[in-house]
Amino acid sequence: MGRLAPFDRLRAKDAAEGPEPAEGIEPSSIFSPYPSTIPPWINVSEENIFLTRFPCTSPLIPEGEVFFITIGCAKRWTAQLTNDPVWKSILETVLLREERGEICIRLILAMPDHLHGLFSFPGSKPMKQVIRDFKSWISFNHDIEWERGFFDHRIRNWESGFQKGEYIRDNPVRAGLIENRDDWKSIYAR
C-alpha cells in the first residue's frame, strides 16, 4: 500500500492555501471535533447543545433525515479501501445493514483512505452505533484501522443534498486519481 502522489499534491496545496481561521477561533480548534471554544456562529441552547457541540451523540434521528457522512482511515494517504476485496466487503455490509433496516443508502463512495456517503438511519439503532458496528466489521475482516469517530452533516434541503452528491462523485477527480468521475469503480448510488 504505497503513497499516492495526488494526495501529496492536495495536502501540500491545503497547507499552502488553507483557510484562515475565523476571528477569535484558535487554529487548532477548527478541525477538532470537540473545540475548546464554541465558534460564535453556533447557537448553543439547552435543546440543541448535543446536536451542535458534540458530533455523533444525537439521540435517534427522525426517519427520512439524510446525512452526509465521512469516515476516515487512521493511516492517511495510503490505498486501503478501494482494492476489490475491501470495497466488496464494504458494499456487502452496508447492503446487509440496509436489509436489516439500520441504514438507507443513497450514495456511498470509497476513496483510498476514507469513505463518503449519503445515508438515512431509519432503524432503532442510533447513527453512532450503526457506524461503529460497520467500522468494527470491516476492521475485523480486513485489518483496517479507522480514525476515531466520523463526520456527519444533516442535509437540510434538496439543493444541499444535490451539492453533497456532486461533491462525493467528483472527489476522485479532485484528488487526481481519475479524469472522468464515471470511471471510478468504488461507488454505489441509487
N, C-alpha and C. Protein backbone atom coordinates (compact mmCIF):
# COMPACT_ATOMS: atom_id res chain seq x y z
N MET A 1 0.85 -1.18 0.00
CA MET A 1 0.00 0.00 0.00
C MET A 1 0.89 1.24 0.00
N GLY A 2 1.23 1.69 -1.18
CA GLY A 2 2.16 2.80 -1.29
C GLY A 2 1.47 4.15 -1.18
N ARG A 3 2.29 5.16 -1.10
CA ARG A 3 1.79 6.53 -1.02
C ARG A 3 1.20 6.94 -2.36
N LEU A 4 0.25 7.84 -2.32
CA LEU A 4 -0.40 8.31 -3.54
C LEU A 4 0.05 9.72 -3.84
N ALA A 5 0.69 9.93 -4.95
CA ALA A 5 1.20 11.25 -5.32
C ALA A 5 0.09 12.30 -5.39
N PRO A 6 -1.11 12.01 -5.95
CA PRO A 6 -2.15 13.04 -5.98
C PRO A 6 -2.53 13.55 -4.59
N PHE A 7 -2.55 12.65 -3.60
CA PHE A 7 -2.87 13.08 -2.24
C PHE A 7 -1.78 14.02 -1.71
N ASP A 8 -0.52 13.70 -2.05
CA ASP A 8 0.57 14.56 -1.61
C ASP A 8 0.40 15.97 -2.16
N ARG A 9 -0.01 16.06 -3.43
CA ARG A 9 -0.23 17.38 -4.03
C ARG A 9 -1.35 18.12 -3.31
N LEU A 10 -2.45 17.43 -3.02
CA LEU A 10 -3.57 18.08 -2.33
C LEU A 10 -3.18 18.53 -0.94
N ARG A 11 -2.44 17.68 -0.22
CA ARG A 11 -2.03 18.03 1.13
C ARG A 11 -1.12 19.26 1.11
N ALA A 12 -0.19 19.33 0.16
CA ALA A 12 0.70 20.49 0.06
C ALA A 12 -0.10 21.74 -0.30
N LYS A 13 -1.07 21.58 -1.20
CA LYS A 13 -1.91 22.72 -1.60
C LYS A 13 -2.72 23.21 -0.41
N ASP A 14 -3.32 22.29 0.35
CA ASP A 14 -4.10 22.67 1.53
C ASP A 14 -3.23 23.40 2.55
N ALA A 15 -2.00 22.92 2.74
CA ALA A 15 -1.11 23.56 3.71
C ALA A 15 -0.75 24.97 3.27
N ALA A 16 -0.56 25.16 1.95
CA ALA A 16 -0.16 26.46 1.44
C ALA A 16 -1.33 27.43 1.33
N GLU A 17 -2.53 26.90 0.94
CA GLU A 17 -3.66 27.77 0.66
C GLU A 17 -4.83 27.57 1.61
N GLY A 18 -4.61 26.91 2.72
CA GLY A 18 -5.70 26.59 3.65
C GLY A 18 -6.43 27.82 4.12
N PRO A 19 -7.67 27.65 4.57
CA PRO A 19 -8.46 28.80 5.01
C PRO A 19 -7.87 29.42 6.27
N GLU A 20 -8.03 30.71 6.37
CA GLU A 20 -7.60 31.42 7.56
C GLU A 20 -8.64 31.18 8.65
N PRO A 21 -8.24 31.01 9.89
CA PRO A 21 -9.21 30.81 10.96
C PRO A 21 -10.05 32.05 11.18
N ALA A 22 -11.29 31.85 11.57
CA ALA A 22 -12.17 32.96 11.88
C ALA A 22 -11.64 33.70 13.10
N GLU A 23 -11.99 34.97 13.18
CA GLU A 23 -11.52 35.79 14.29
C GLU A 23 -12.01 35.21 15.61
N GLY A 24 -11.13 35.10 16.58
CA GLY A 24 -11.49 34.59 17.90
C GLY A 24 -11.42 33.09 18.03
N ILE A 25 -11.08 32.37 16.94
CA ILE A 25 -11.03 30.91 16.98
C ILE A 25 -9.58 30.47 16.91
N GLU A 26 -9.19 29.61 17.81
CA GLU A 26 -7.84 29.07 17.80
C GLU A 26 -7.69 28.14 16.60
N PRO A 27 -6.59 28.23 15.82
CA PRO A 27 -6.43 27.36 14.66
C PRO A 27 -6.53 25.88 14.99
N SER A 28 -6.05 25.45 16.14
CA SER A 28 -6.10 24.03 16.47
C SER A 28 -7.52 23.55 16.74
N SER A 29 -8.45 24.46 17.03
CA SER A 29 -9.81 24.03 17.35
C SER A 29 -10.71 23.95 16.12
N ILE A 30 -10.26 24.46 14.97
CA ILE A 30 -11.12 24.46 13.79
C ILE A 30 -11.47 23.05 13.36
N PHE A 31 -10.49 22.15 13.37
CA PHE A 31 -10.72 20.81 12.87
C PHE A 31 -10.97 19.80 13.99
N SER A 32 -10.97 20.23 15.22
CA SER A 32 -11.20 19.34 16.34
C SER A 32 -12.70 19.05 16.49
N PRO A 33 -13.08 17.79 16.71
CA PRO A 33 -14.49 17.52 16.91
C PRO A 33 -15.01 18.08 18.22
N TYR A 34 -14.14 18.40 19.15
CA TYR A 34 -14.55 18.96 20.42
C TYR A 34 -13.77 20.26 20.65
N PRO A 35 -14.18 21.35 19.99
CA PRO A 35 -13.42 22.59 20.13
C PRO A 35 -13.41 23.10 21.56
N SER A 36 -12.27 23.72 21.92
CA SER A 36 -12.15 24.26 23.27
C SER A 36 -13.03 25.49 23.45
N THR A 37 -13.28 26.20 22.38
CA THR A 37 -14.21 27.33 22.42
C THR A 37 -15.25 27.11 21.34
N ILE A 38 -16.47 27.47 21.62
CA ILE A 38 -17.54 27.29 20.65
C ILE A 38 -17.54 28.51 19.73
N PRO A 39 -17.47 28.31 18.41
CA PRO A 39 -17.49 29.44 17.50
C PRO A 39 -18.74 30.28 17.70
N PRO A 40 -18.64 31.59 17.49
CA PRO A 40 -19.77 32.48 17.76
C PRO A 40 -20.98 32.23 16.87
N TRP A 41 -20.82 31.58 15.71
CA TRP A 41 -21.95 31.37 14.82
C TRP A 41 -22.78 30.14 15.21
N ILE A 42 -22.35 29.38 16.21
CA ILE A 42 -23.13 28.23 16.66
C ILE A 42 -24.04 28.68 17.80
N ASN A 43 -25.32 28.46 17.62
CA ASN A 43 -26.31 28.81 18.61
C ASN A 43 -26.42 27.67 19.61
N VAL A 44 -25.88 27.87 20.79
CA VAL A 44 -25.92 26.83 21.81
C VAL A 44 -27.06 27.13 22.78
N SER A 45 -27.99 26.22 22.83
CA SER A 45 -29.09 26.34 23.78
C SER A 45 -29.30 24.98 24.42
N GLU A 46 -30.16 24.94 25.43
CA GLU A 46 -30.37 23.67 26.12
C GLU A 46 -30.85 22.57 25.19
N GLU A 47 -31.74 22.92 24.23
CA GLU A 47 -32.32 21.88 23.39
C GLU A 47 -31.40 21.43 22.25
N ASN A 48 -30.37 22.22 21.87
CA ASN A 48 -29.55 21.79 20.76
C ASN A 48 -28.07 21.62 21.08
N ILE A 49 -27.67 21.72 22.32
CA ILE A 49 -26.24 21.65 22.64
C ILE A 49 -25.63 20.32 22.22
N PHE A 50 -26.34 19.21 22.36
CA PHE A 50 -25.77 17.93 21.99
C PHE A 50 -25.72 17.75 20.48
N LEU A 51 -26.54 18.47 19.74
CA LEU A 51 -26.52 18.36 18.29
C LEU A 51 -25.47 19.27 17.66
N THR A 52 -25.05 20.32 18.36
CA THR A 52 -24.12 21.26 17.75
C THR A 52 -22.69 21.12 18.28
N ARG A 53 -22.53 20.91 19.55
CA ARG A 53 -21.18 20.93 20.11
C ARG A 53 -20.50 19.57 20.09
N PHE A 54 -21.26 18.53 20.29
CA PHE A 54 -20.69 17.19 20.37
C PHE A 54 -21.21 16.36 19.21
N PRO A 55 -20.41 16.18 18.15
CA PRO A 55 -20.89 15.43 16.99
C PRO A 55 -21.15 13.97 17.33
N CYS A 56 -22.09 13.40 16.60
CA CYS A 56 -22.37 11.96 16.64
C CYS A 56 -22.91 11.50 17.99
N THR A 57 -23.51 12.38 18.77
CA THR A 57 -24.08 11.93 20.04
C THR A 57 -25.58 12.19 20.10
N SER A 58 -26.17 12.57 18.97
CA SER A 58 -27.59 12.87 18.99
C SER A 58 -28.39 11.60 19.25
N PRO A 59 -29.59 11.75 19.81
CA PRO A 59 -30.44 10.57 20.03
C PRO A 59 -30.92 10.04 18.68
N LEU A 60 -31.87 9.15 18.70
CA LEU A 60 -32.37 8.59 17.45
C LEU A 60 -32.79 9.71 16.51
N ILE A 61 -32.54 9.50 15.25
CA ILE A 61 -32.77 10.51 14.22
C ILE A 61 -34.15 10.31 13.62
N PRO A 62 -34.90 11.40 13.39
CA PRO A 62 -36.21 11.24 12.76
C PRO A 62 -36.08 10.54 11.41
N GLU A 63 -37.03 9.65 11.13
CA GLU A 63 -36.99 8.89 9.89
C GLU A 63 -36.99 9.82 8.69
N GLY A 64 -36.20 9.49 7.70
CA GLY A 64 -36.13 10.28 6.49
C GLY A 64 -35.02 11.31 6.46
N GLU A 65 -34.43 11.62 7.61
CA GLU A 65 -33.32 12.58 7.64
C GLU A 65 -32.14 11.96 6.91
N VAL A 66 -31.53 12.73 6.01
CA VAL A 66 -30.38 12.26 5.25
C VAL A 66 -29.14 12.96 5.78
N PHE A 67 -28.06 12.20 5.90
CA PHE A 67 -26.80 12.72 6.42
C PHE A 67 -25.68 12.48 5.43
N PHE A 68 -24.81 13.47 5.30
CA PHE A 68 -23.54 13.34 4.59
C PHE A 68 -22.55 12.84 5.63
N ILE A 69 -21.99 11.66 5.39
CA ILE A 69 -21.10 11.00 6.35
C ILE A 69 -19.71 10.85 5.73
N THR A 70 -18.68 11.11 6.51
CA THR A 70 -17.30 10.84 6.11
C THR A 70 -16.65 10.01 7.21
N ILE A 71 -16.04 8.89 6.81
CA ILE A 71 -15.35 8.00 7.73
C ILE A 71 -13.92 7.84 7.21
N GLY A 72 -12.93 8.17 8.02
CA GLY A 72 -11.53 8.13 7.58
C GLY A 72 -10.74 7.00 8.19
N CYS A 73 -9.75 6.55 7.46
CA CYS A 73 -8.81 5.55 7.97
C CYS A 73 -7.75 6.26 8.82
N ALA A 74 -7.24 5.57 9.80
CA ALA A 74 -6.19 6.13 10.65
C ALA A 74 -4.90 6.34 9.85
N LYS A 75 -4.60 5.43 8.95
CA LYS A 75 -3.41 5.58 8.09
C LYS A 75 -3.82 6.37 6.87
N ARG A 76 -3.57 7.67 6.92
CA ARG A 76 -3.93 8.54 5.81
C ARG A 76 -2.93 8.38 4.67
N TRP A 77 -3.38 8.73 3.47
CA TRP A 77 -2.54 8.78 2.27
C TRP A 77 -2.07 7.39 1.82
N THR A 78 -2.78 6.35 2.20
CA THR A 78 -2.47 5.01 1.70
C THR A 78 -3.74 4.39 1.13
N ALA A 79 -3.58 3.59 0.09
CA ALA A 79 -4.73 2.95 -0.56
C ALA A 79 -5.16 1.73 0.24
N GLN A 80 -6.29 1.83 0.93
CA GLN A 80 -6.77 0.74 1.76
C GLN A 80 -8.18 0.30 1.39
N LEU A 81 -9.04 1.22 1.02
CA LEU A 81 -10.46 0.92 0.88
C LEU A 81 -10.90 0.62 -0.54
N THR A 82 -10.08 0.93 -1.53
CA THR A 82 -10.51 0.80 -2.92
C THR A 82 -10.05 -0.49 -3.59
N ASN A 83 -9.31 -1.34 -2.87
CA ASN A 83 -8.98 -2.62 -3.51
C ASN A 83 -10.25 -3.47 -3.52
N ASP A 84 -10.34 -4.35 -4.51
CA ASP A 84 -11.58 -5.09 -4.76
C ASP A 84 -12.15 -5.84 -3.55
N PRO A 85 -11.34 -6.62 -2.80
CA PRO A 85 -11.94 -7.36 -1.68
C PRO A 85 -12.51 -6.44 -0.59
N VAL A 86 -11.82 -5.34 -0.29
CA VAL A 86 -12.31 -4.43 0.76
C VAL A 86 -13.56 -3.71 0.28
N TRP A 87 -13.56 -3.18 -0.95
CA TRP A 87 -14.74 -2.48 -1.47
C TRP A 87 -15.93 -3.43 -1.52
N LYS A 88 -15.71 -4.67 -1.95
CA LYS A 88 -16.80 -5.65 -2.00
C LYS A 88 -17.38 -5.87 -0.60
N SER A 89 -16.53 -5.98 0.41
CA SER A 89 -17.00 -6.16 1.79
C SER A 89 -17.74 -4.92 2.30
N ILE A 90 -17.23 -3.74 1.97
CA ILE A 90 -17.91 -2.50 2.38
C ILE A 90 -19.32 -2.50 1.81
N LEU A 91 -19.43 -2.77 0.53
CA LEU A 91 -20.74 -2.75 -0.12
C LEU A 91 -21.66 -3.84 0.44
N GLU A 92 -21.13 -5.03 0.64
CA GLU A 92 -21.95 -6.12 1.19
C GLU A 92 -22.47 -5.78 2.58
N THR A 93 -21.62 -5.21 3.43
CA THR A 93 -22.07 -4.94 4.80
C THR A 93 -23.07 -3.79 4.85
N VAL A 94 -22.90 -2.75 4.03
CA VAL A 94 -23.90 -1.67 4.09
C VAL A 94 -25.23 -2.14 3.49
N LEU A 95 -25.17 -2.99 2.46
CA LEU A 95 -26.42 -3.53 1.91
C LEU A 95 -27.12 -4.46 2.90
N LEU A 96 -26.34 -5.26 3.64
CA LEU A 96 -26.92 -6.11 4.68
C LEU A 96 -27.55 -5.26 5.78
N ARG A 97 -26.86 -4.21 6.19
CA ARG A 97 -27.40 -3.32 7.23
C ARG A 97 -28.65 -2.60 6.72
N GLU A 98 -28.69 -2.32 5.43
CA GLU A 98 -29.90 -1.72 4.86
C GLU A 98 -31.05 -2.72 4.89
N GLU A 99 -30.76 -3.96 4.54
CA GLU A 99 -31.78 -5.02 4.58
C GLU A 99 -32.34 -5.19 6.00
N ARG A 100 -31.48 -5.03 7.01
CA ARG A 100 -31.91 -5.14 8.41
C ARG A 100 -32.68 -3.91 8.89
N GLY A 101 -32.67 -2.84 8.09
CA GLY A 101 -33.39 -1.62 8.47
C GLY A 101 -32.57 -0.66 9.31
N GLU A 102 -31.25 -0.84 9.38
CA GLU A 102 -30.40 0.03 10.19
C GLU A 102 -29.98 1.30 9.44
N ILE A 103 -29.93 1.20 8.12
CA ILE A 103 -29.39 2.29 7.31
C ILE A 103 -30.10 2.27 5.96
N CYS A 104 -30.20 3.43 5.35
CA CYS A 104 -30.74 3.53 3.99
C CYS A 104 -29.68 4.26 3.16
N ILE A 105 -29.22 3.61 2.11
CA ILE A 105 -28.11 4.13 1.31
C ILE A 105 -28.66 4.94 0.14
N ARG A 106 -28.20 6.18 0.02
CA ARG A 106 -28.46 6.98 -1.17
C ARG A 106 -27.25 6.92 -2.09
N LEU A 107 -26.05 7.01 -1.48
CA LEU A 107 -24.80 7.05 -2.23
C LEU A 107 -23.67 6.70 -1.28
N ILE A 108 -22.73 5.88 -1.75
CA ILE A 108 -21.51 5.61 -0.98
C ILE A 108 -20.36 5.53 -1.98
N LEU A 109 -19.25 6.16 -1.61
CA LEU A 109 -18.06 6.17 -2.45
C LEU A 109 -16.84 5.96 -1.56
N ALA A 110 -15.99 5.02 -1.97
CA ALA A 110 -14.75 4.77 -1.23
C ALA A 110 -13.61 5.47 -1.95
N MET A 111 -12.89 6.28 -1.21
CA MET A 111 -11.62 6.83 -1.66
C MET A 111 -10.55 5.91 -1.07
N PRO A 112 -9.30 6.05 -1.48
CA PRO A 112 -8.28 5.13 -0.95
C PRO A 112 -8.19 5.10 0.58
N ASP A 113 -8.43 6.23 1.26
CA ASP A 113 -8.27 6.26 2.71
C ASP A 113 -9.47 6.81 3.47
N HIS A 114 -10.60 6.96 2.81
CA HIS A 114 -11.82 7.40 3.50
C HIS A 114 -13.05 7.07 2.67
N LEU A 115 -14.19 7.11 3.34
CA LEU A 115 -15.48 6.87 2.69
C LEU A 115 -16.33 8.13 2.80
N HIS A 116 -17.14 8.37 1.78
CA HIS A 116 -18.18 9.40 1.84
C HIS A 116 -19.50 8.71 1.53
N GLY A 117 -20.57 9.20 2.12
CA GLY A 117 -21.87 8.66 1.78
C GLY A 117 -23.00 9.59 2.15
N LEU A 118 -24.14 9.34 1.53
CA LEU A 118 -25.40 9.98 1.90
C LEU A 118 -26.29 8.86 2.42
N PHE A 119 -26.63 8.93 3.70
CA PHE A 119 -27.36 7.86 4.36
C PHE A 119 -28.50 8.41 5.21
N SER A 120 -29.51 7.56 5.41
CA SER A 120 -30.54 7.77 6.43
C SER A 120 -30.41 6.64 7.43
N PHE A 121 -30.90 6.87 8.62
CA PHE A 121 -30.82 5.88 9.69
C PHE A 121 -32.22 5.64 10.25
N PRO A 122 -33.04 4.84 9.55
CA PRO A 122 -34.45 4.68 9.91
C PRO A 122 -34.71 3.72 11.07
N GLY A 123 -33.75 2.93 11.45
CA GLY A 123 -33.97 1.89 12.46
C GLY A 123 -33.90 2.40 13.87
N SER A 124 -33.91 1.45 14.80
CA SER A 124 -33.90 1.80 16.22
C SER A 124 -32.49 2.06 16.75
N LYS A 125 -31.46 1.69 15.97
CA LYS A 125 -30.08 1.93 16.42
C LYS A 125 -29.69 3.37 16.11
N PRO A 126 -29.02 4.04 17.04
CA PRO A 126 -28.52 5.39 16.76
C PRO A 126 -27.44 5.35 15.67
N MET A 127 -27.32 6.45 14.95
CA MET A 127 -26.33 6.57 13.88
C MET A 127 -24.94 6.17 14.35
N LYS A 128 -24.55 6.64 15.52
CA LYS A 128 -23.21 6.37 16.04
C LYS A 128 -22.97 4.87 16.17
N GLN A 129 -23.96 4.13 16.63
CA GLN A 129 -23.80 2.69 16.80
C GLN A 129 -23.74 1.97 15.46
N VAL A 130 -24.56 2.41 14.49
CA VAL A 130 -24.54 1.79 13.16
C VAL A 130 -23.17 1.96 12.52
N ILE A 131 -22.62 3.17 12.60
CA ILE A 131 -21.30 3.44 12.03
C ILE A 131 -20.22 2.65 12.78
N ARG A 132 -20.31 2.62 14.10
CA ARG A 132 -19.32 1.88 14.90
C ARG A 132 -19.34 0.39 14.53
N ASP A 133 -20.54 -0.19 14.40
CA ASP A 133 -20.65 -1.61 14.04
C ASP A 133 -20.07 -1.87 12.65
N PHE A 134 -20.36 -0.98 11.71
CA PHE A 134 -19.82 -1.09 10.35
C PHE A 134 -18.29 -1.07 10.38
N LYS A 135 -17.74 -0.09 11.09
CA LYS A 135 -16.28 0.03 11.16
C LYS A 135 -15.65 -1.20 11.83
N SER A 136 -16.28 -1.69 12.87
CA SER A 136 -15.75 -2.88 13.56
C SER A 136 -15.71 -4.09 12.64
N TRP A 137 -16.78 -4.28 11.87
CA TRP A 137 -16.85 -5.43 10.97
C TRP A 137 -15.76 -5.35 9.91
N ILE A 138 -15.58 -4.18 9.29
CA ILE A 138 -14.55 -4.01 8.27
C ILE A 138 -13.16 -4.17 8.89
N SER A 139 -12.97 -3.62 10.08
CA SER A 139 -11.67 -3.76 10.76
C SER A 139 -11.34 -5.22 11.02
N PHE A 140 -12.31 -5.96 11.51
CA PHE A 140 -12.10 -7.36 11.85
C PHE A 140 -11.76 -8.19 10.61
N ASN A 141 -12.45 -7.93 9.51
CA ASN A 141 -12.29 -8.75 8.31
C ASN A 141 -11.16 -8.31 7.39
N HIS A 142 -10.72 -7.06 7.50
CA HIS A 142 -9.70 -6.57 6.56
C HIS A 142 -8.56 -5.81 7.23
N ASP A 143 -8.49 -5.86 8.53
CA ASP A 143 -7.39 -5.22 9.25
C ASP A 143 -7.24 -3.73 8.90
N ILE A 144 -8.38 -3.05 8.78
CA ILE A 144 -8.39 -1.61 8.53
C ILE A 144 -8.46 -0.92 9.88
N GLU A 145 -7.59 0.04 10.09
CA GLU A 145 -7.63 0.84 11.32
C GLU A 145 -8.28 2.18 10.99
N TRP A 146 -9.39 2.47 11.66
CA TRP A 146 -10.17 3.67 11.38
C TRP A 146 -9.77 4.81 12.32
N GLU A 147 -9.98 6.03 11.85
CA GLU A 147 -9.89 7.18 12.74
C GLU A 147 -11.01 7.07 13.76
N ARG A 148 -10.81 7.66 14.90
CA ARG A 148 -11.85 7.66 15.93
C ARG A 148 -13.02 8.53 15.46
N GLY A 149 -14.22 8.05 15.62
CA GLY A 149 -15.41 8.82 15.26
C GLY A 149 -15.63 8.92 13.77
N PHE A 150 -16.42 9.89 13.38
CA PHE A 150 -16.74 10.15 11.99
C PHE A 150 -17.32 11.55 11.89
N PHE A 151 -17.48 12.04 10.68
CA PHE A 151 -18.06 13.36 10.45
C PHE A 151 -19.46 13.16 9.90
N ASP A 152 -20.42 13.90 10.43
CA ASP A 152 -21.77 13.85 9.87
C ASP A 152 -22.31 15.26 9.71
N HIS A 153 -23.09 15.44 8.66
CA HIS A 153 -23.75 16.73 8.39
C HIS A 153 -25.16 16.42 7.90
N ARG A 154 -26.16 16.95 8.60
CA ARG A 154 -27.55 16.70 8.19
C ARG A 154 -27.87 17.51 6.95
N ILE A 155 -28.44 16.86 5.95
CA ILE A 155 -28.86 17.52 4.72
C ILE A 155 -30.20 18.18 5.00
N ARG A 156 -30.27 19.49 4.81
CA ARG A 156 -31.46 20.24 5.18
C ARG A 156 -32.43 20.50 4.03
N ASN A 157 -31.93 20.39 2.79
CA ASN A 157 -32.83 20.61 1.66
C ASN A 157 -32.28 19.90 0.42
N TRP A 158 -33.10 19.85 -0.62
CA TRP A 158 -32.75 19.13 -1.83
C TRP A 158 -31.46 19.69 -2.44
N GLU A 159 -31.32 21.02 -2.49
CA GLU A 159 -30.15 21.65 -3.10
C GLU A 159 -28.86 21.22 -2.37
N SER A 160 -28.90 21.21 -1.05
CA SER A 160 -27.74 20.79 -0.27
C SER A 160 -27.41 19.32 -0.54
N GLY A 161 -28.44 18.48 -0.63
CA GLY A 161 -28.22 17.07 -0.93
C GLY A 161 -27.61 16.86 -2.30
N PHE A 162 -28.09 17.63 -3.28
CA PHE A 162 -27.54 17.55 -4.63
C PHE A 162 -26.07 17.97 -4.63
N GLN A 163 -25.76 19.08 -3.94
CA GLN A 163 -24.38 19.57 -3.88
C GLN A 163 -23.47 18.55 -3.21
N LYS A 164 -23.92 17.94 -2.12
CA LYS A 164 -23.09 16.93 -1.44
C LYS A 164 -22.89 15.71 -2.34
N GLY A 165 -23.93 15.31 -3.07
CA GLY A 165 -23.80 14.19 -4.00
C GLY A 165 -22.78 14.48 -5.09
N GLU A 166 -22.82 15.69 -5.64
CA GLU A 166 -21.84 16.09 -6.65
C GLU A 166 -20.43 16.13 -6.06
N TYR A 167 -20.32 16.65 -4.85
CA TYR A 167 -19.02 16.70 -4.16
C TYR A 167 -18.45 15.28 -4.02
N ILE A 168 -19.30 14.35 -3.57
CA ILE A 168 -18.85 12.97 -3.38
C ILE A 168 -18.41 12.36 -4.71
N ARG A 169 -19.24 12.51 -5.74
CA ARG A 169 -18.92 11.91 -7.05
C ARG A 169 -17.65 12.50 -7.67
N ASP A 170 -17.40 13.78 -7.42
CA ASP A 170 -16.23 14.45 -8.00
C ASP A 170 -14.96 14.27 -7.17
N ASN A 171 -15.05 13.68 -6.00
CA ASN A 171 -13.90 13.55 -5.11
C ASN A 171 -12.70 12.85 -5.76
N PRO A 172 -12.88 11.73 -6.46
CA PRO A 172 -11.72 11.08 -7.10
C PRO A 172 -11.07 11.96 -8.18
N VAL A 173 -11.87 12.76 -8.86
CA VAL A 173 -11.34 13.66 -9.89
C VAL A 173 -10.52 14.77 -9.22
N ARG A 174 -11.08 15.37 -8.17
CA ARG A 174 -10.36 16.43 -7.45
C ARG A 174 -9.04 15.92 -6.87
N ALA A 175 -9.02 14.65 -6.46
CA ALA A 175 -7.80 14.08 -5.89
C ALA A 175 -6.78 13.69 -6.97
N GLY A 176 -7.17 13.81 -8.23
CA GLY A 176 -6.25 13.47 -9.32
C GLY A 176 -6.12 11.99 -9.58
N LEU A 177 -7.07 11.20 -9.09
CA LEU A 177 -6.99 9.75 -9.26
C LEU A 177 -7.55 9.30 -10.61
N ILE A 178 -8.50 10.05 -11.16
CA ILE A 178 -9.09 9.78 -12.47
C ILE A 178 -9.41 11.11 -13.13
N GLU A 179 -9.72 11.05 -14.43
CA GLU A 179 -10.09 12.27 -15.14
C GLU A 179 -11.60 12.43 -15.27
N ASN A 180 -12.31 11.31 -15.36
CA ASN A 180 -13.76 11.34 -15.53
C ASN A 180 -14.41 10.61 -14.36
N ARG A 181 -15.31 11.27 -13.67
CA ARG A 181 -15.88 10.65 -12.46
C ARG A 181 -16.61 9.35 -12.74
N ASP A 182 -17.09 9.16 -13.96
CA ASP A 182 -17.80 7.93 -14.31
C ASP A 182 -16.86 6.72 -14.37
N ASP A 183 -15.55 6.96 -14.36
CA ASP A 183 -14.58 5.86 -14.40
C ASP A 183 -14.28 5.27 -13.02
N TRP A 184 -14.75 5.91 -11.93
CA TRP A 184 -14.47 5.43 -10.58
C TRP A 184 -15.29 4.19 -10.30
N LYS A 185 -14.65 3.15 -9.82
CA LYS A 185 -15.31 1.85 -9.60
C LYS A 185 -15.87 1.68 -8.18
N SER A 186 -15.33 2.36 -7.22
CA SER A 186 -15.73 2.15 -5.82
C SER A 186 -16.85 3.11 -5.43
N ILE A 187 -17.99 2.96 -6.11
CA ILE A 187 -19.15 3.82 -5.86
C ILE A 187 -20.43 3.00 -6.01
N TYR A 188 -21.40 3.33 -5.19
CA TYR A 188 -22.73 2.71 -5.28
C TYR A 188 -23.74 3.83 -5.07
N ALA A 189 -24.66 3.97 -6.00
CA ALA A 189 -25.67 5.03 -5.90
C ALA A 189 -27.04 4.49 -6.28
N ARG A 190 -28.04 5.10 -5.68
CA ARG A 190 -29.43 4.75 -6.01
C ARG A 190 -30.01 5.83 -6.88
